[in-house]
PDB file of N, CA and C in Angstrom:
ATOM      1  N   MET A   1       4.206   1.791  -3.746  1.00  0.00           N
ATOM      2  CA  MET A   1       5.443   2.007  -3.030  1.00  0.00           C
ATOM      3  C   MET A   1       5.401   1.185  -1.748  1.00  0.00           C
ATOM      4  N   GLU A   2       6.480   0.602  -1.411  1.00  0.00           N
ATOM      5  CA  GLU A   2       6.574  -0.183  -0.195  1.00  0.00           C
ATOM      6  C   GLU A   2       6.516   0.734   1.022  1.00  0.00           C
ATOM      7  N   LEU A   3       5.916   0.222   2.087  1.00  0.00           N
ATOM      8  CA  LEU A   3       5.744   1.006   3.300  1.00  0.00           C
ATOM      9  C   LEU A   3       7.081   1.476   3.869  1.00  0.00           C
ATOM     10  N   MET A   4       8.078   0.602   3.889  1.00  0.00           N
ATOM     11  CA  MET A   4       9.374   0.994   4.445  1.00  0.00           C
ATOM     12  C   MET A   4      10.003   2.125   3.636  1.00  0.00           C
ATOM     13  N   GLN A   5       9.925   2.032   2.323  1.00  0.00           N
ATOM     14  CA  GLN A   5      10.468   3.100   1.490  1.00  0.00           C
ATOM     15  C   GLN A   5       9.715   4.399   1.737  1.00  0.00           C
ATOM     16  N   LEU A   6       8.405   4.328   1.756  1.00  0.00           N
ATOM     17  CA  LEU A   6       7.596   5.520   1.983  1.00  0.00           C
ATOM     18  C   LEU A   6       7.988   6.193   3.292  1.00  0.00           C
ATOM     19  N   ASN A   7       8.046   5.425   4.373  1.00  0.00           N
ATOM     20  CA  ASN A   7       8.377   6.003   5.673  1.00  0.00           C
ATOM     21  C   ASN A   7       9.797   6.560   5.708  1.00  0.00           C
ATOM     22  N   TYR A   8      10.730   5.859   5.098  1.00  0.00           N
ATOM     23  CA  TYR A   8      12.113   6.340   5.055  1.00  0.00           C
ATOM     24  C   TYR A   8      12.183   7.657   4.289  1.00  0.00           C
ATOM     25  N   TYR A   9      11.535   7.699   3.142  1.00  0.00           N
ATOM     26  CA  TYR A   9      11.564   8.906   2.313  1.00  0.00           C
ATOM     27  C   TYR A   9      10.872  10.070   3.002  1.00  0.00           C
ATOM     28  N   LEU A  10       9.797   9.806   3.722  1.00  0.00           N
ATOM     29  CA  LEU A  10       9.130  10.868   4.478  1.00  0.00           C
ATOM     30  C   LEU A  10      10.036  11.385   5.594  1.00  0.00           C
ATOM     31  N   GLU A  11      10.656  10.470   6.318  1.00  0.00           N
ATOM     32  CA  GLU A  11      11.522  10.868   7.430  1.00  0.00           C
ATOM     33  C   GLU A  11      12.724  11.685   6.960  1.00  0.00           C
ATOM     34  N   HIS A  12      13.263  11.333   5.812  1.00  0.00           N
ATOM     35  CA  HIS A  12      14.480  11.984   5.329  1.00  0.00           C
ATOM     36  C   HIS A  12      14.217  13.155   4.384  1.00  0.00           C
ATOM     37  N   GLY A  13      12.960  13.457   4.129  1.00  0.00           N
ATOM     38  CA  GLY A  13      12.634  14.665   3.379  1.00  0.00           C
ATOM     39  C   GLY A  13      12.539  14.533   1.877  1.00  0.00           C
ATOM     40  N   LEU A  14      12.596  13.323   1.356  1.00  0.00           N
ATOM     41  CA  LEU A  14      12.396  13.147  -0.083  1.00  0.00           C
ATOM     42  C   LEU A  14      10.922  13.363  -0.422  1.00  0.00           C
ATOM     43  N   LEU A  15      10.058  12.849   0.432  1.00  0.00           N
ATOM     44  CA  LEU A  15       8.616  13.012   0.264  1.00  0.00           C
ATOM     45  C   LEU A  15       8.065  13.845   1.413  1.00  0.00           C
ATOM     46  N   GLU A  16       6.998  14.550   1.104  1.00  0.00           N
ATOM     47  CA  GLU A  16       6.300  15.341   2.116  1.00  0.00           C
ATOM     48  C   GLU A  16       4.806  15.171   1.865  1.00  0.00           C
ATOM     49  N   PHE A  17       4.053  14.935   2.932  1.00  0.00           N
ATOM     50  CA  PHE A  17       2.609  14.771   2.794  1.00  0.00           C
ATOM     51  C   PHE A  17       1.944  16.116   3.006  1.00  0.00           C
ATOM     52  N   ASP A  18       1.272  16.601   1.970  1.00  0.00           N
ATOM     53  CA  ASP A  18       0.525  17.854   2.049  1.00  0.00           C
ATOM     54  C   ASP A  18      -0.855  17.521   2.612  1.00  0.00           C
ATOM     55  N   ARG A  19      -1.092  17.874   3.849  1.00  0.00           N
ATOM     56  CA  ARG A  19      -2.340  17.508   4.532  1.00  0.00           C
ATOM     57  C   ARG A  19      -3.559  18.188   3.923  1.00  0.00           C
ATOM     58  N   LYS A  20      -3.373  19.340   3.325  1.00  0.00           N
ATOM     59  CA  LYS A  20      -4.512  20.047   2.729  1.00  0.00           C
ATOM     60  C   LYS A  20      -5.005  19.326   1.472  1.00  0.00           C
ATOM     61  N   SER A  21      -4.075  18.998   0.584  1.00  0.00           N
ATOM     62  CA  SER A  21      -4.454  18.329  -0.666  1.00  0.00           C
ATOM     63  C   SER A  21      -4.469  16.809  -0.533  1.00  0.00           C
ATOM     64  N   GLU A  22      -3.905  16.294   0.564  1.00  0.00           N
ATOM     65  CA  GLU A  22      -3.751  14.860   0.806  1.00  0.00           C
ATOM     66  C   GLU A  22      -2.972  14.181  -0.317  1.00  0.00           C
ATOM     67  N   ARG A  23      -1.932  14.860  -0.751  1.00  0.00           N
ATOM     68  CA  ARG A  23      -1.055  14.320  -1.794  1.00  0.00           C
ATOM     69  C   ARG A  23       0.390  14.366  -1.326  1.00  0.00           C
ATOM     70  N   LEU A  24       1.189  13.542  -1.961  1.00  0.00           N
ATOM     71  CA  LEU A  24       2.616  13.553  -1.677  1.00  0.00           C
ATOM     72  C   LEU A  24       3.310  14.586  -2.548  1.00  0.00           C
ATOM     73  N   VAL A  25       4.259  15.283  -1.951  1.00  0.00           N
ATOM     74  CA  VAL A  25       5.118  16.211  -2.675  1.00  0.00           C
ATOM     75  C   VAL A  25       6.485  15.542  -2.760  1.00  0.00           C
ATOM     76  N   ILE A  26       7.051  15.509  -3.943  1.00  0.00           N
ATOM     77  CA  ILE A  26       8.363  14.893  -4.146  1.00  0.00           C
ATOM     78  C   ILE A  26       9.398  15.998  -4.302  1.00  0.00           C
ATOM     79  N   HIS A  27      10.459  15.918  -3.519  1.00  0.00           N
ATOM     80  CA  HIS A  27      11.562  16.872  -3.615  1.00  0.00           C
ATOM     81  C   HIS A  27      12.661  16.219  -4.468  1.00  0.00           C
ATOM     82  N   TYR A  28      12.535  16.413  -5.762  1.00  0.00           N
ATOM     83  CA  TYR A  28      13.411  15.728  -6.715  1.00  0.00           C
ATOM     84  C   TYR A  28      14.883  16.048  -6.504  1.00  0.00           C
ATOM     85  N   ASP A  29      15.186  17.223  -5.998  1.00  0.00           N
ATOM     86  CA  ASP A  29      16.579  17.595  -5.785  1.00  0.00           C
ATOM     87  C   ASP A  29      17.240  16.745  -4.701  1.00  0.00           C
ATOM     88  N   ARG A  30      16.470  16.089  -3.873  1.00  0.00           N
ATOM     89  CA  ARG A  30      16.991  15.242  -2.791  1.00  0.00           C
ATOM     90  C   ARG A  30      16.985  13.756  -3.150  1.00  0.00           C
ATOM     91  N   TYR A  31      16.388  13.427  -4.281  1.00  0.00           N
ATOM     92  CA  TYR A  31      16.134  12.032  -4.647  1.00  0.00           C
ATOM     93  C   TYR A  31      17.395  11.163  -4.587  1.00  0.00           C
ATOM     94  N   HIS A  32      18.404  11.536  -5.329  1.00  0.00           N
ATOM     95  CA  HIS A  32      19.604  10.699  -5.440  1.00  0.00           C
ATOM     96  C   HIS A  32      20.238  10.430  -4.073  1.00  0.00           C
ATOM     97  N   ASP A  33      20.438  11.472  -3.285  1.00  0.00           N
ATOM     98  CA  ASP A  33      21.114  11.308  -1.999  1.00  0.00           C
ATOM     99  C   ASP A  33      20.311  10.444  -1.026  1.00  0.00           C
ATOM    100  N   ILE A  34      19.007  10.629  -0.996  1.00  0.00           N
ATOM    101  CA  ILE A  34      18.195   9.901  -0.022  1.00  0.00           C
ATOM    102  C   ILE A  34      18.000   8.442  -0.433  1.00  0.00           C
ATOM    103  N   VAL A  35      17.772   8.191  -1.703  1.00  0.00           N
ATOM    104  CA  VAL A  35      17.641   6.803  -2.167  1.00  0.00           C
ATOM    105  C   VAL A  35      18.966   6.069  -1.975  1.00  0.00           C
ATOM    106  N   THR A  36      20.060   6.739  -2.293  1.00  0.00           N
ATOM    107  CA  THR A  36      21.383   6.145  -2.085  1.00  0.00           C
ATOM    108  C   THR A  36      21.621   5.868  -0.604  1.00  0.00           C
ATOM    109  N   GLY A  37      21.194   6.787   0.253  1.00  0.00           N
ATOM    110  CA  GLY A  37      21.355   6.598   1.695  1.00  0.00           C
ATOM    111  C   GLY A  37      20.606   5.384   2.206  1.00  0.00           C
ATOM    112  N   MET A  38      19.381   5.198   1.738  1.00  0.00           N
ATOM    113  CA  MET A  38      18.615   4.028   2.172  1.00  0.00           C
ATOM    114  C   MET A  38      19.273   2.743   1.679  1.00  0.00           C
ATOM    115  N   LEU A  39      19.708   2.747   0.439  1.00  0.00           N
ATOM    116  CA  LEU A  39      20.375   1.566  -0.106  1.00  0.00           C
ATOM    117  C   LEU A  39      21.627   1.238   0.700  1.00  0.00           C
ATOM    118  N   ARG A  40      22.401   2.254   1.054  1.00  0.00           N
ATOM    119  CA  ARG A  40      23.610   2.023   1.859  1.00  0.00           C
ATOM    120  C   ARG A  40      23.265   1.406   3.211  1.00  0.00           C
ATOM    121  N   GLU A  41      22.214   1.932   3.842  1.00  0.00           N
ATOM    122  CA  GLU A  41      21.813   1.395   5.148  1.00  0.00           C
ATOM    123  C   GLU A  41      21.382  -0.061   5.040  1.00  0.00           C
ATOM    124  N   VAL A  42      20.578  -0.374   4.041  1.00  0.00           N
ATOM    125  CA  VAL A  42      20.089  -1.744   3.870  1.00  0.00           C
ATOM    126  C   VAL A  42      21.249  -2.689   3.555  1.00  0.00           C
ATOM    127  N   LEU A  43      22.134  -2.278   2.662  1.00  0.00           N
ATOM    128  CA  LEU A  43      23.282  -3.126   2.326  1.00  0.00           C
ATOM    129  C   LEU A  43      24.201  -3.324   3.527  1.00  0.00           C
ATOM    130  N   ALA A  44      24.385  -2.287   4.340  1.00  0.00           N
ATOM    131  CA  ALA A  44      25.216  -2.415   5.543  1.00  0.00           C
ATOM    132  C   ALA A  44      24.585  -3.390   6.531  1.00  0.00           C
ATOM    133  N   LEU A  45      23.271  -3.322   6.687  1.00  0.00           N
ATOM    134  CA  LEU A  45      22.586  -4.267   7.574  1.00  0.00           C
ATOM    135  C   LEU A  45      22.780  -5.701   7.094  1.00  0.00           C
ATOM    136  N   GLN A  46      22.653  -5.906   5.806  1.00  0.00           N
ATOM    137  CA  GLN A  46      22.833  -7.248   5.250  1.00  0.00           C
ATOM    138  C   GLN A  46      24.277  -7.714   5.400  1.00  0.00           C
ATOM    139  N   TYR A  47      25.210  -6.836   5.106  1.00  0.00           N
ATOM    140  CA  TYR A  47      26.627  -7.196   5.160  1.00  0.00           C
ATOM    141  C   TYR A  47      27.056  -7.538   6.585  1.00  0.00           C
ATOM    142  N   ASN A  48      26.586  -6.743   7.541  1.00  0.00           N
ATOM    143  CA  ASN A  48      26.985  -6.947   8.933  1.00  0.00           C
ATOM    144  C   ASN A  48      26.290  -8.138   9.579  1.00  0.00           C
ATOM    145  N   GLY A  49      25.167  -8.560   9.052  1.00  0.00           N
ATOM    146  CA  GLY A  49      24.478  -9.729   9.583  1.00  0.00           C
ATOM    147  C   GLY A  49      23.950  -9.554  10.997  1.00  0.00           C
ATOM    148  N   ASP A  50      23.712  -8.329  11.409  1.00  0.00           N
ATOM    149  CA  ASP A  50      23.218  -8.041  12.757  1.00  0.00           C
ATOM    150  C   ASP A  50      21.691  -8.110  12.753  1.00  0.00           C
ATOM    151  N   ALA A  51      21.161  -9.234  13.193  1.00  0.00           N
ATOM    152  CA  ALA A  51      19.714  -9.451  13.155  1.00  0.00           C
ATOM    153  C   ALA A  51      18.966  -8.446  14.026  1.00  0.00           C
ATOM    154  N   ALA A  52      19.535  -8.076  15.157  1.00  0.00           N
ATOM    155  CA  ALA A  52      18.868  -7.117  16.045  1.00  0.00           C
ATOM    156  C   ALA A  52      18.777  -5.745  15.382  1.00  0.00           C
ATOM    157  N   ALA A  53      19.860  -5.303  14.756  1.00  0.00           N
ATOM    158  CA  ALA A  53      19.855  -4.006  14.066  1.00  0.00           C
ATOM    159  C   ALA A  53      18.886  -4.034  12.891  1.00  0.00           C
ATOM    160  N   ALA A  54      18.864  -5.140  12.166  1.00  0.00           N
ATOM    161  CA  ALA A  54      17.932  -5.271  11.042  1.00  0.00           C
ATOM    162  C   ALA A  54      16.492  -5.233  11.549  1.00  0.00           C
ATOM    163  N   GLY A  55      16.232  -5.886  12.657  1.00  0.00           N
ATOM    164  CA  GLY A  55      14.894  -5.873  13.247  1.00  0.00           C
ATOM    165  C   GLY A  55      14.464  -4.478  13.656  1.00  0.00           C
ATOM    166  N   ARG A  56      15.393  -3.716  14.231  1.00  0.00           N
ATOM    167  CA  ARG A  56      15.074  -2.334  14.616  1.00  0.00           C
ATOM    168  C   ARG A  56      14.762  -1.486  13.387  1.00  0.00           C
ATOM    169  N   PHE A  57      15.522  -1.685  12.322  1.00  0.00           N
ATOM    170  CA  PHE A  57      15.294  -0.943  11.076  1.00  0.00           C
ATOM    171  C   PHE A  57      13.908  -1.269  10.518  1.00  0.00           C
ATOM    172  N   VAL A  58      13.579  -2.548  10.474  1.00  0.00           N
ATOM    173  CA  VAL A  58      12.272  -2.972   9.960  1.00  0.00           C
ATOM    174  C   VAL A  58      11.151  -2.428  10.846  1.00  0.00           C
ATOM    175  N   ASP A  59      11.300  -2.548  12.159  1.00  0.00           N
ATOM    176  CA  ASP A  59      10.271  -2.042  13.070  1.00  0.00           C
ATOM    177  C   ASP A  59      10.056  -0.540  12.898  1.00  0.00           C
ATOM    178  N   LYS A  60      11.152   0.179  12.736  1.00  0.00           N
ATOM    179  CA  LYS A  60      11.070   1.638  12.606  1.00  0.00           C
ATOM    180  C   LYS A  60      10.317   2.055  11.345  1.00  0.00           C
ATOM    181  N   TYR A  61      10.590   1.389  10.237  1.00  0.00           N
ATOM    182  CA  TYR A  61      10.052   1.844   8.960  1.00  0.00           C
ATOM    183  C   TYR A  61       8.804   1.089   8.486  1.00  0.00           C
ATOM    184  N   THR A  62       8.293   0.159   9.302  1.00  0.00           N
ATOM    185  CA  THR A  62       7.028  -0.497   8.942  1.00  0.00           C
ATOM    186  C   THR A  62       5.873   0.017   9.797  1.00  0.00           C
ATOM    187  N   THR A  63       6.065   1.128  10.437  1.00  0.00           N
ATOM    188  CA  THR A  63       5.022   1.728  11.261  1.00  0.00           C
ATOM    189  C   THR A  63       3.918   2.298  10.372  1.00  0.00           C
ATOM    190  N   TRP A  64       2.671   1.997  10.732  1.00  0.00           N
ATOM    191  CA  TRP A  64       1.505   2.515   9.999  1.00  0.00           C
ATOM    192  C   TRP A  64       0.820   3.528  10.900  1.00  0.00           C
ATOM    193  N   ARG A  65       0.755   4.754  10.433  1.00  0.00           N
ATOM    194  CA  ARG A  65       0.091   5.822  11.187  1.00  0.00           C
ATOM    195  C   ARG A  65      -1.251   6.125  10.531  1.00  0.00           C
ATOM    196  N   THR A  66      -2.321   5.982  11.295  1.00  0.00           N
ATOM    197  CA  THR A  66      -3.643   6.215  10.713  1.00  0.00           C
ATOM    198  C   THR A  66      -3.828   7.658  10.280  1.00  0.00           C
ATOM    199  N   ASP A  67      -3.214   8.599  10.997  1.00  0.00           N
ATOM    200  CA  ASP A  67      -3.369  10.006  10.629  1.00  0.00           C
ATOM    201  C   ASP A  67      -2.677  10.343   9.316  1.00  0.00           C
ATOM    202  N   LEU A  68      -1.733   9.542   8.905  1.00  0.00           N
ATOM    203  CA  LEU A  68      -0.997   9.785   7.664  1.00  0.00           C
ATOM    204  C   LEU A  68      -1.325   8.741   6.605  1.00  0.00           C
ATOM    205  N   HIS A  69      -1.041   7.497   6.907  1.00  0.00           N
ATOM    206  CA  HIS A  69      -1.156   6.439   5.909  1.00  0.00           C
ATOM    207  C   HIS A  69      -2.599   6.166   5.487  1.00  0.00           C
ATOM    208  N   ASP A  70      -3.527   6.202   6.425  1.00  0.00           N
ATOM    209  CA  ASP A  70      -4.932   5.997   6.051  1.00  0.00           C
ATOM    210  C   ASP A  70      -5.420   7.113   5.130  1.00  0.00           C
ATOM    211  N   ARG A  71      -5.058   8.344   5.457  1.00  0.00           N
ATOM    212  CA  ARG A  71      -5.467   9.476   4.616  1.00  0.00           C
ATOM    213  C   ARG A  71      -4.852   9.366   3.228  1.00  0.00           C
ATOM    214  N   LEU A  72      -3.598   8.994   3.173  1.00  0.00           N
ATOM    215  CA  LEU A  72      -2.924   8.844   1.889  1.00  0.00           C
ATOM    216  C   LEU A  72      -3.556   7.711   1.081  1.00  0.00           C
ATOM    217  N   ALA A  73      -3.856   6.602   1.727  1.00  0.00           N
ATOM    218  CA  ALA A  73      -4.479   5.465   1.032  1.00  0.00           C
ATOM    219  C   ALA A  73      -5.849   5.844   0.479  1.00  0.00           C
ATOM    220  N   ARG A  74      -6.647   6.560   1.269  1.00  0.00           N
ATOM    221  CA  ARG A  74      -7.961   7.006   0.785  1.00  0.00           C
ATOM    222  C   ARG A  74      -7.819   7.932  -0.415  1.00  0.00           C
ATOM    223  N   SER A  75      -6.860   8.831  -0.349  1.00  0.00           N
ATOM    224  CA  SER A  75      -6.641   9.774  -1.448  1.00  0.00           C
ATOM    225  C   SER A  75      -6.206   9.044  -2.716  1.00  0.00           C
ATOM    226  N   MET A  76      -5.327   8.065  -2.568  1.00  0.00           N
ATOM    227  CA  MET A  76      -4.861   7.301  -3.728  1.00  0.00           C
ATOM    228  C   MET A  76      -6.007   6.503  -4.341  1.00  0.00           C
ATOM    229  N   LYS A  77      -6.807   5.876  -3.493  1.00  0.00           N
ATOM    230  CA  LYS A  77      -7.923   5.080  -4.002  1.00  0.00           C
ATOM    231  C   LYS A  77      -8.950   5.964  -4.703  1.00  0.00           C
ATOM    232  N   ALA A  78      -9.211   7.135  -4.149  1.00  0.00           N
ATOM    233  CA  ALA A  78     -10.188   8.054  -4.741  1.00  0.00           C
ATOM    234  C   ALA A  78      -9.730   8.575  -6.099  1.00  0.00           C
ATOM    235  N   SER A  79      -8.423   8.613  -6.321  1.00  0.00           N
ATOM    236  CA  SER A  79      -7.908   9.141  -7.587  1.00  0.00           C
ATOM    237  C   SER A  79      -7.868   8.094  -8.697  1.00  0.00           C
ATOM    238  N   GLU A  80      -8.145   6.828  -8.359  1.00  0.00           N
ATOM    239  CA  GLU A  80      -8.128   5.772  -9.368  1.00  0.00           C
ATOM    240  C   GLU A  80      -9.282   5.946 -10.344  1.00  0.00           C
ATOM    241  N   THR A  81      -8.963   5.904 -11.614  1.00  0.00           N
ATOM    242  CA  THR A  81     -10.000   5.941 -12.635  1.00  0.00           C
ATOM    243  C   THR A  81     -10.516   4.530 -12.887  1.00  0.00           C
ATOM    244  N   TYR A  82      -9.590   3.594 -13.000  1.00  0.00           N
ATOM    245  CA  TYR A  82      -9.937   2.194 -13.248  1.00  0.00           C
ATOM    246  C   TYR A  82      -9.228   1.339 -12.217  1.00  0.00           C
ATOM    247  N   ARG A  83      -9.942   0.422 -11.641  1.00  0.00           N
ATOM    248  CA  ARG A  83      -9.368  -0.457 -10.630  1.00  0.00           C
ATOM    249  C   ARG A  83      -8.641  -1.639 -11.273  1.00  0.00           C
ATOM    250  N   TYR A  84      -9.168  -2.113 -12.382  1.00  0.00           N
ATOM    251  CA  TYR A  84      -8.592  -3.274 -13.046  1.00  0.00           C
ATOM    252  C   TYR A  84      -8.404  -2.960 -14.523  1.00  0.00           C
ATOM    253  N   ALA A  85      -7.511  -3.694 -15.144  1.00  0.00           N
ATOM    254  CA  ALA A  85      -7.280  -3.528 -16.581  1.00  0.00           C
ATOM    255  C   ALA A  85      -7.478  -4.877 -17.264  1.00  0.00           C
ATOM    256  N   TYR A  86      -8.069  -4.850 -18.429  1.00  0.00           N
ATOM    257  CA  TYR A  86      -8.248  -6.056 -19.228  1.00  0.00           C
ATOM    258  C   TYR A  86      -7.232  -5.983 -20.358  1.00  0.00           C
ATOM    259  N   VAL A  87      -6.255  -6.849 -20.293  1.00  0.00           N
ATOM    260  CA  VAL A  87      -5.161  -6.836 -21.255  1.00  0.00           C
ATOM    261  C   VAL A  87      -5.364  -7.957 -22.257  1.00  0.00           C
ATOM    262  N   THR A  88      -5.188  -7.641 -23.524  1.00  0.00           N
ATOM    263  CA  THR A  88      -5.251  -8.665 -24.570  1.00  0.00           C
ATOM    264  C   THR A  88      -3.961  -8.622 -25.368  1.00  0.00           C
ATOM    265  N   TYR A  89      -3.618  -9.746 -25.916  1.00  0.00           N
ATOM    266  CA  TYR A  89      -2.421  -9.864 -26.739  1.00  0.00           C
ATOM    267  C   TYR A  89      -2.847 -10.405 -28.097  1.00  0.00           C
ATOM    268  N   GLY A  90      -2.783  -9.576 -29.103  1.00  0.00           N
ATOM    269  CA  GLY A  90      -3.232  -9.944 -30.438  1.00  0.00           C
ATOM    270  C   GLY A  90      -2.599 -11.210 -30.964  1.00  0.00           C
ATOM    271  N   ILE A  91      -1.353 -11.422 -30.665  1.00  0.00           N
ATOM    272  CA  ILE A  91      -0.655 -12.595 -31.191  1.00  0.00           C
ATOM    273  C   ILE A  91      -1.193 -13.887 -30.581  1.00  0.00           C
ATOM    274  N   LEU A  92      -1.812 -13.793 -29.417  1.00  0.00           N
ATOM    275  CA  LEU A  92      -2.348 -14.976 -28.753  1.00  0.00           C
ATOM    276  C   LEU A  92      -3.814 -15.230 -29.081  1.00  0.00           C
ATOM    277  N   GLU A  93      -4.435 -14.283 -29.722  1.00  0.00           N
ATOM    278  CA  GLU A  93      -5.848 -14.436 -30.068  1.00  0.00           C
ATOM    279  C   GLU A  93      -6.008 -15.483 -31.164  1.00  0.00           C
ATOM    280  N   LYS A  94      -7.135 -16.197 -31.116  1.00  0.00           N
ATOM    281  CA  LYS A  94      -7.427 -17.182 -32.155  1.00  0.00           C
ATOM    282  C   LYS A  94      -7.742 -16.449 -33.453  1.00  0.00           C
ATOM    283  N   PRO A  95      -7.297 -16.999 -34.563  1.00  0.00           N
ATOM    284  CA  PRO A  95      -7.626 -16.368 -35.847  1.00  0.00           C
ATOM    285  C   PRO A  95      -9.125 -16.440 -36.106  1.00  0.00           C
ATOM    286  N   GLY A  96      -9.626 -15.482 -36.828  1.00  0.00           N
ATOM    287  CA  GLY A  96     -11.052 -15.420 -37.155  1.00  0.00           C
ATOM    288  C   GLY A  96     -11.474 -16.571 -38.059  1.00  0.00           C
ATOM    289  N   PRO A  97     -12.795 -16.701 -38.308  1.00  0.00           N
ATOM    290  CA  PRO A  97     -13.325 -17.816 -39.114  1.00  0.00           C
ATOM    291  C   PRO A  97     -12.829 -17.845 -40.521  1.00  0.00           C
TER     292      PRO A  97
END
């Protein structure tokens, strides 16, 4: 998830960080309204062409908080079973002898 989306969703209540479990809680009942709200804000910034307002929006939502984001990143990394995947495509493999 992009940092700006994460911060926007946290601020507006779509996501909540459970400090005890160090996991995100998703409030699905708020999903449509909050995602639509962010899209409206971004489209309005683009339409209006106000570079200063766009800069303020970016500055506001690209903030990295060590008390939140570092803990979340550690929790996500710890939950990974596999870091990399080896993908093969049978149709691209050379035929056998």
